[in-house]
N, C-alpha and C. Protein backbone atom coordinates (compact mmCIF):
# COMPACT_ATOMS: atom_id res chain seq x y z
N UNK A 1 -49.10 30.12 -70.65
CA UNK A 1 -48.59 29.95 -71.91
C UNK A 1 -48.45 31.15 -72.98
N UNK A 2 -49.40 32.41 -73.00
CA UNK A 2 -48.62 33.06 -73.92
C UNK A 2 -47.48 33.73 -73.17
N UNK A 3 -46.83 33.95 -72.24
CA UNK A 3 -45.55 34.58 -72.30
C UNK A 3 -44.64 33.52 -72.68
N UNK A 4 -44.70 32.17 -72.45
CA UNK A 4 -44.02 31.14 -73.28
C UNK A 4 -43.84 31.49 -74.49
N UNK A 5 -45.14 31.39 -75.30
CA UNK A 5 -44.92 31.41 -77.50
C UNK A 5 -43.74 33.36 -77.08
N UNK A 6 -44.54 34.10 -76.43
CA UNK A 6 -43.88 35.21 -76.87
C UNK A 6 -42.29 35.28 -76.39
N UNK A 7 -42.12 34.50 -75.85
CA UNK A 7 -40.49 34.31 -75.52
C UNK A 7 -40.26 32.66 -76.67
N UNK A 8 -40.81 32.32 -77.32
CA UNK A 8 -40.27 31.62 -78.36
C UNK A 8 -40.27 32.64 -79.20
N UNK A 9 -41.21 33.16 -79.37
CA UNK A 9 -40.60 34.22 -80.76
C UNK A 9 -39.31 35.04 -80.90
N UNK A 10 -39.65 35.73 -79.48
CA UNK A 10 -38.80 36.22 -79.33
C UNK A 10 -37.23 35.62 -79.89
N UNK A 11 -36.99 34.88 -79.00
CA UNK A 11 -35.93 33.71 -79.12
C UNK A 11 -35.73 33.45 -80.73
N UNK A 12 -36.81 32.70 -81.48
CA UNK A 12 -36.55 32.89 -82.61
C UNK A 12 -35.84 34.07 -83.61
N UNK A 13 -36.26 34.83 -82.74
CA UNK A 13 -36.09 35.81 -83.92
C UNK A 13 -34.23 36.56 -83.65
N UNK A 14 -34.07 36.38 -82.45
CA UNK A 14 -32.73 36.12 -82.08
C UNK A 14 -31.80 35.41 -82.70
N UNK A 15 -32.30 34.29 -82.89
CA UNK A 15 -31.05 33.22 -83.83
C UNK A 15 -31.34 33.71 -84.84
N UNK A 16 -32.22 34.08 -85.54
CA UNK A 16 -32.22 34.17 -87.23
C UNK A 16 -31.35 35.47 -87.66
N UNK A 17 -31.47 36.24 -86.41
CA UNK A 17 -30.76 37.76 -86.99
C UNK A 17 -29.41 36.90 -86.55
N UNK A 18 -29.14 36.37 -85.29
CA UNK A 18 -27.30 35.48 -85.21
C UNK A 18 -26.92 35.88 -86.69
N UNK A 19 -27.98 34.44 -87.43
CA UNK A 19 -27.25 33.44 -88.41
C UNK A 19 -27.15 34.46 -89.09
N UNK A 20 -28.19 35.30 -89.85
CA UNK A 20 -28.01 36.70 -90.73
C UNK A 20 -26.38 37.10 -90.74
N UNK A 21 -26.34 37.70 -89.17
CA UNK A 21 -25.00 38.30 -89.13
C UNK A 21 -23.60 37.74 -89.01
N UNK A 22 -23.82 36.50 -88.96
CA UNK A 22 -22.50 35.46 -89.30
C UNK A 22 -22.28 34.65 -90.77
N UNK A 23 -23.65 35.03 -91.54
CA UNK A 23 -23.69 34.46 -92.77
C UNK A 23 -22.50 35.64 -93.74
N UNK A 24 -22.94 36.70 -93.12
CA UNK A 24 -22.21 38.00 -93.88
C UNK A 24 -21.19 38.59 -93.25
N UNK A 25 -20.79 38.27 -92.16
CA UNK A 25 -19.70 38.54 -92.20
C UNK A 25 -18.58 38.33 -93.27
N UNK A 26 -18.02 37.43 -93.81
CA UNK A 26 -17.15 36.80 -94.61
C UNK A 26 -17.35 37.98 -95.30
N UNK A 27 -18.48 38.55 -96.37
CA UNK A 27 -18.25 39.32 -97.66
C UNK A 27 -18.64 40.70 -97.23
N UNK A 28 -18.84 41.02 -95.62
CA UNK A 28 -18.80 42.09 -95.15
C UNK A 28 -17.16 42.86 -94.69
N UNK A 29 -16.23 41.93 -94.29
CA UNK A 29 -14.90 42.21 -94.16
C UNK A 29 -14.27 43.02 -95.50
N UNK A 30 -13.60 43.86 -95.00
CA UNK A 30 -12.55 44.33 -95.79
C UNK A 30 -11.96 43.45 -96.63
N UNK A 31 -11.06 43.07 -97.24
CA UNK A 31 -10.01 42.54 -97.78
C UNK A 31 -8.59 43.45 -97.65
N UNK A 32 -7.93 43.07 -96.50
CA UNK A 32 -6.83 43.85 -96.52
C UNK A 32 -5.44 43.03 -96.65
N UNK A 33 -4.39 43.21 -97.01
CA UNK A 33 -3.19 42.22 -97.00
C UNK A 33 -1.78 42.89 -96.19
N UNK A 34 -1.17 41.86 -95.60
CA UNK A 34 0.12 42.31 -94.85
C UNK A 34 1.10 41.85 -95.14
N UNK A 35 2.63 42.10 -96.04
CA UNK A 35 3.18 41.19 -96.20
C UNK A 35 3.89 41.51 -94.90
N UNK A 36 4.51 40.27 -94.37
CA UNK A 36 5.75 40.16 -93.08
C UNK A 36 7.16 40.09 -93.55
N UNK A 37 7.47 39.34 -94.43
CA UNK A 37 8.93 39.10 -95.09
C UNK A 37 9.30 39.24 -96.42
N UNK A 38 9.78 39.66 -96.95
CA UNK A 38 10.42 40.55 -96.13
C UNK A 38 9.71 41.96 -95.85
N UNK A 39 10.77 42.70 -95.78
CA UNK A 39 11.06 44.36 -95.31
C UNK A 39 10.88 44.57 -96.73
N UNK A 40 10.41 46.15 -97.59
CA UNK A 40 10.56 46.39 -98.71
C UNK A 40 11.46 47.34 -98.16
N UNK A 41 12.08 47.63 -99.41
CA UNK A 41 13.94 48.03 -99.50
C UNK A 41 14.42 47.04 -98.16
N UNK A 42 14.82 46.39 -98.55
CA UNK A 42 15.46 45.09 -97.47
C UNK A 42 17.04 45.15 -98.55
N UNK A 43 18.32 45.09 -97.93
CA UNK A 43 19.20 44.74 -98.70
C UNK A 43 19.44 42.52 -98.52
N UNK A 44 19.54 42.01 -98.74
CA UNK A 44 20.05 40.28 -98.31
C UNK A 44 21.36 40.34 -99.39
N UNK A 45 21.80 39.05 -98.83
CA UNK A 45 22.91 38.45 -99.55
C UNK A 45 22.36 36.83 -100.02
N UNK A 46 21.57 36.31 -99.32
CA UNK A 46 21.06 35.17 -99.68
C UNK A 46 20.43 35.29 -101.49
N UNK A 47 20.31 34.54 -102.00
CA UNK A 47 19.03 34.46 -103.57
C UNK A 47 18.03 34.19 -103.19
N UNK A 48 18.25 33.87 -102.15
CA UNK A 48 16.17 33.64 -101.35
C UNK A 48 15.51 34.31 -100.41
N UNK A 49 14.81 34.77 -100.56
CA UNK A 49 14.09 34.95 -99.42
C UNK A 49 12.60 34.56 -98.95
N UNK A 50 11.94 34.55 -98.15
CA UNK A 50 10.57 33.97 -97.74
C UNK A 50 9.42 34.79 -97.64
N UNK A 51 8.70 35.28 -99.10
CA UNK A 51 7.65 35.73 -99.15
C UNK A 51 6.83 35.51 -98.57
N UNK A 52 6.42 35.63 -97.13
CA UNK A 52 5.15 35.57 -95.81
C UNK A 52 4.55 36.82 -95.67
N UNK A 53 3.12 36.47 -95.90
CA UNK A 53 2.41 37.41 -94.52
C UNK A 53 0.45 36.47 -94.58
N UNK A 54 -0.70 37.69 -94.28
CA UNK A 54 -1.28 37.38 -94.24
C UNK A 54 -2.43 38.44 -95.20
N UNK A 55 -3.76 37.88 -95.16
CA UNK A 55 -5.17 38.55 -95.33
C UNK A 55 -5.88 38.17 -94.88
N UNK A 56 -7.12 39.01 -94.44
CA UNK A 56 -7.76 39.27 -93.55
C UNK A 56 -9.10 38.47 -94.07
N UNK A 57 -9.37 37.90 -95.43
CA UNK A 57 -10.55 37.42 -95.61
C UNK A 57 -9.28 36.09 -96.62
N UNK A 58 -10.05 34.53 -96.86
CA UNK A 58 -9.76 34.17 -97.98
C UNK A 58 -9.47 34.92 -99.45
N UNK A 59 -8.82 34.61 -100.24
CA UNK A 59 -8.22 35.27 -101.18
C UNK A 59 -6.79 34.17 -101.78
N UNK A 60 -7.11 34.85 -103.04
CA UNK A 60 -6.01 34.00 -103.77
C UNK A 60 -4.94 35.07 -104.04
N UNK A 61 -3.49 34.76 -103.27
CA UNK A 61 -2.54 35.47 -103.85
C UNK A 61 -1.65 34.95 -104.76
N UNK A 62 -1.06 35.97 -105.16
CA UNK A 62 0.07 35.61 -106.18
C UNK A 62 0.70 36.66 -106.08
N UNK A 63 2.23 35.86 -105.60
CA UNK A 63 3.44 37.04 -106.15
C UNK A 63 4.48 36.60 -107.47
N UNK A 64 4.04 38.08 -107.80
CA UNK A 64 4.80 38.28 -109.55
C UNK A 64 3.85 37.37 -110.57
N UNK A 65 2.56 37.39 -110.46
CA UNK A 65 1.83 36.64 -110.91
C UNK A 65 2.06 35.10 -111.24
N UNK A 66 2.38 34.47 -109.45
CA UNK A 66 2.31 33.22 -109.66
C UNK A 66 1.44 33.00 -108.33
N UNK A 67 0.66 31.94 -108.48
CA UNK A 67 -0.52 31.80 -107.34
C UNK A 67 0.75 31.18 -106.33
N UNK A 68 0.66 31.60 -104.97
CA UNK A 68 1.16 30.89 -104.06
C UNK A 68 0.25 29.98 -103.06
N UNK A 69 0.82 29.02 -102.02
CA UNK A 69 0.03 27.77 -101.44
C UNK A 69 0.11 29.29 -100.23
N UNK A 70 -1.72 28.61 -99.77
CA UNK A 70 -1.80 29.78 -98.83
C UNK A 70 -2.66 28.91 -97.41
N UNK A 71 -2.56 29.24 -96.01
CA UNK A 71 -3.73 28.20 -95.29
C UNK A 71 -3.95 29.26 -94.25
N UNK A 72 -4.95 29.24 -94.58
CA UNK A 72 -6.03 29.62 -93.20
C UNK A 72 -5.66 31.41 -94.46
N UNK A 73 -5.93 31.78 -93.24
CA UNK A 73 -5.68 33.60 -94.07
C UNK A 73 -4.06 33.96 -93.87
N UNK A 74 -3.53 32.69 -94.15
CA UNK A 74 -1.80 32.79 -94.31
C UNK A 74 -1.12 32.19 -95.36
N UNK A 75 -0.68 33.20 -96.06
CA UNK A 75 0.71 32.50 -97.35
C UNK A 75 2.36 32.67 -97.14
N UNK A 76 2.77 31.60 -97.85
CA UNK A 76 4.25 31.77 -97.36
C UNK A 76 4.52 30.91 -98.57
N UNK A 77 5.98 32.06 -99.58
CA UNK A 77 7.05 30.67 -100.43
C UNK A 77 8.22 31.62 -100.71
N UNK A 78 8.97 30.42 -101.16
CA UNK A 78 10.76 30.80 -101.57
C UNK A 78 10.22 31.82 -102.29
N UNK A 79 11.24 33.20 -102.85
CA UNK A 79 11.19 33.11 -103.67
C UNK A 79 12.63 33.79 -103.85
N UNK A 80 12.93 33.10 -105.37
CA UNK A 80 14.28 33.61 -106.34
C UNK A 80 14.93 34.29 -106.49
N UNK A 81 15.87 35.50 -105.92
CA UNK A 81 16.56 36.85 -105.92
C UNK A 81 17.19 36.77 -107.50
N UNK A 82 17.58 38.03 -107.83
CA UNK A 82 18.85 37.82 -109.07
C UNK A 82 19.59 38.63 -108.56
N UNK A 83 20.89 38.85 -108.64
CA UNK A 83 21.64 39.94 -107.95
C UNK A 83 21.29 41.53 -108.58
N UNK A 84 21.56 42.35 -107.76
CA UNK A 84 20.66 44.04 -107.82
C UNK A 84 19.58 44.03 -106.99
N UNK A 85 18.54 44.45 -107.81
CA UNK A 85 17.28 45.18 -107.11
C UNK A 85 16.33 44.39 -107.94
N UNK A 86 15.09 44.19 -107.57
CA UNK A 86 14.48 42.61 -107.74
C UNK A 86 12.85 43.72 -107.20
N UNK A 87 12.01 43.68 -107.54
CA UNK A 87 10.48 44.09 -107.35
C UNK A 87 9.95 43.02 -107.31
N UNK A 88 8.90 42.11 -106.29
CA UNK A 88 8.14 41.63 -105.70
C UNK A 88 6.95 42.36 -105.93
N UNK A 89 5.60 41.62 -106.40
CA UNK A 89 4.27 42.83 -106.20
C UNK A 89 3.58 41.08 -105.58
N UNK A 90 3.46 41.08 -104.43
CA UNK A 90 1.84 40.96 -104.10
C UNK A 90 0.28 40.80 -104.27
N UNK A 91 -0.12 40.45 -105.02
CA UNK A 91 -1.63 40.77 -105.18
C UNK A 91 -2.59 39.46 -104.54
N UNK A 92 -3.55 40.37 -103.69
CA UNK A 92 -4.36 38.81 -103.47
C UNK A 92 -5.72 39.16 -103.99
N UNK A 93 -6.19 38.59 -103.99
CA UNK A 93 -7.77 38.74 -105.00
C UNK A 93 -8.99 37.89 -104.22
N UNK A 94 -10.43 38.64 -103.67
CA UNK A 94 -11.09 37.88 -103.35
C UNK A 94 -12.26 38.67 -104.29
N UNK A 95 -13.19 37.72 -104.65
CA UNK A 95 -14.36 38.61 -105.71
C UNK A 95 -14.03 39.19 -105.91
N UNK A 96 -15.01 40.55 -106.03
CA UNK A 96 -14.34 41.81 -106.48
C UNK A 96 -13.09 43.00 -105.59
N UNK A 97 -12.59 42.19 -105.03
CA UNK A 97 -11.91 42.74 -104.01
C UNK A 97 -9.96 42.48 -104.83
N UNK A 98 -9.43 43.55 -104.66
CA UNK A 98 -8.13 43.22 -105.02
C UNK A 98 -6.94 44.20 -104.13
N UNK A 99 -5.69 43.44 -103.01
CA UNK A 99 -4.94 44.53 -102.76
C UNK A 99 -3.70 43.99 -103.34
N UNK A 100 -3.23 45.01 -103.01
CA UNK A 100 -1.62 44.59 -104.40
C UNK A 100 -0.47 45.44 -102.80
N UNK A 101 0.60 44.80 -102.81
CA UNK A 101 1.92 45.70 -102.22
C UNK A 101 3.01 45.10 -103.37
N UNK A 102 4.20 46.04 -103.12
CA UNK A 102 5.02 45.84 -104.04
C UNK A 102 6.50 46.22 -103.33
N UNK A 103 7.27 45.59 -103.42
CA UNK A 103 8.08 45.66 -102.33
C UNK A 103 9.56 45.51 -103.53
N UNK A 104 10.86 46.28 -102.68
CA UNK A 104 11.78 45.76 -104.03
C UNK A 104 13.20 45.87 -102.40
N UNK A 105 13.66 44.60 -102.93
CA UNK A 105 14.33 43.83 -102.19
C UNK A 105 15.57 43.56 -102.94
N UNK A 106 17.01 44.21 -102.29
CA UNK A 106 18.01 44.37 -103.15
C UNK A 106 19.43 43.26 -102.37
N UNK A 107 19.79 42.60 -104.08
CA UNK A 107 20.52 41.12 -103.63
C UNK A 107 22.58 41.54 -103.72
N UNK A 108 22.63 41.29 -102.98
CA UNK A 108 24.17 41.70 -103.34
C UNK A 108 24.53 40.30 -102.62
N UNK A 109 25.57 39.92 -103.35
CA UNK A 109 25.98 38.54 -103.03
C UNK A 109 27.03 38.59 -102.47
N UNK A 110 27.31 37.18 -101.22
CA UNK A 110 28.54 37.52 -100.73
C UNK A 110 29.40 36.55 -101.03
C-alpha cells in the first residue's frame, strides 16, 4: 500500500509537470517570420504576386499595414504591384514580439 501511494504521488507530480510545460510552450516560443514567396529582389512581369510564408506561433500578420488572412501558422495573400520597384513590408506581431521582413520586387510590364 505504501508503494502504491508513493507511485500515485510520483505519477501526479509527473502529470502536473507535463501540463505546466505544455501550457508554457506557446509563450516560450520565439516569434520567427519566414516569407516563402516572392523572393527578395525578384523581377516579375505580372502585376500581382502572392506573398506567403509562415510564423512560428500565433500572430497577426500585416503586409504594408494591411492585415492578411492566416490559417494555423501560414499566411498568404495576393499583392498588387506597380511598374518599377515595389517595397513589401511583412510584419508579424504576437504579444510583445514583433518580426519584420522587407522585400523589394521589381515589376516590368511584358
